[in-house]
Amino acid sequence: MNESVFEIVEKSCETLKLDFSSAEFAALAEENALSEDEPPAAEGSEDLR
């Protein structure tokens, strides 16, 4: 099962104990008018999951 970029952000923030949520990421993406192709670039390497 492929995780969405939002699920990856949420899990990563929990793991790193960051005060940042997938909702905040979505708002940031909207504010910066990221295309559908740009957020997946934030996913990083498969090796990091």
Protein backbone atom coordinates (compact mmCIF):
# COMPACT_ATOMS: atom_id res chain seq x y z
CA MET A 1 0.00 0.00 0.00
CA ASN A 2 1.35 3.39 -0.95
CA GLU A 3 1.15 6.10 1.66
CA SER A 4 0.17 9.60 0.68
CA VAL A 5 2.64 12.41 1.14
CA PHE A 6 0.40 13.66 3.97
CA GLU A 7 0.60 10.33 5.81
CA ILE A 8 4.38 10.32 5.40
CA VAL A 9 4.66 13.87 6.75
CA GLU A 10 2.44 12.98 9.72
CA LYS A 11 4.45 9.85 10.61
CA SER A 12 7.79 11.60 10.13
CA CYS A 13 6.78 14.48 12.36
CA GLU A 14 5.62 12.09 15.07
CA THR A 15 8.87 10.13 14.88
CA LEU A 16 11.00 13.27 15.01
CA LYS A 17 8.75 14.85 17.62
CA LEU A 18 8.17 17.90 15.43
CA ASP A 19 5.32 20.29 16.03
CA PHE A 20 4.10 20.12 12.42
CA SER A 21 1.10 18.29 11.02
CA SER A 22 -0.06 17.07 7.64
CA ALA A 23 -2.77 19.75 7.79
CA GLU A 24 -0.07 22.40 8.16
CA PHE A 25 1.82 20.81 5.25
CA ALA A 26 -1.35 20.95 3.13
CA ALA A 27 -1.82 24.63 4.01
CA LEU A 28 1.81 25.34 3.13
CA ALA A 29 1.43 23.54 -0.20
CA GLU A 30 -1.70 25.54 -0.96
CA GLU A 31 -0.12 28.87 0.05
CA ASN A 32 2.84 28.20 -2.24
CA ALA A 33 0.67 26.86 -5.07
CA LEU A 34 2.58 23.60 -5.31
CA SER A 35 1.57 21.46 -8.25
CA GLU A 36 0.54 17.83 -7.83
CA ASP A 37 4.05 16.79 -8.92
CA GLU A 38 5.89 18.87 -6.33
CA PRO A 39 4.68 17.47 -2.95
CA PRO A 40 5.84 13.90 -3.77
CA ALA A 41 9.36 15.30 -4.17
CA ALA A 42 9.19 16.07 -0.45
CA GLU A 43 8.77 12.35 0.29
CA GLY A 44 12.47 11.73 -0.11
CA SER A 45 14.14 8.42 -0.59
CA GLU A 46 12.41 5.07 -0.14
CA ASP A 47 15.41 4.14 2.05
CA LEU A 48 14.35 6.69 4.66
CA ARG A 49 10.99 5.06 5.40
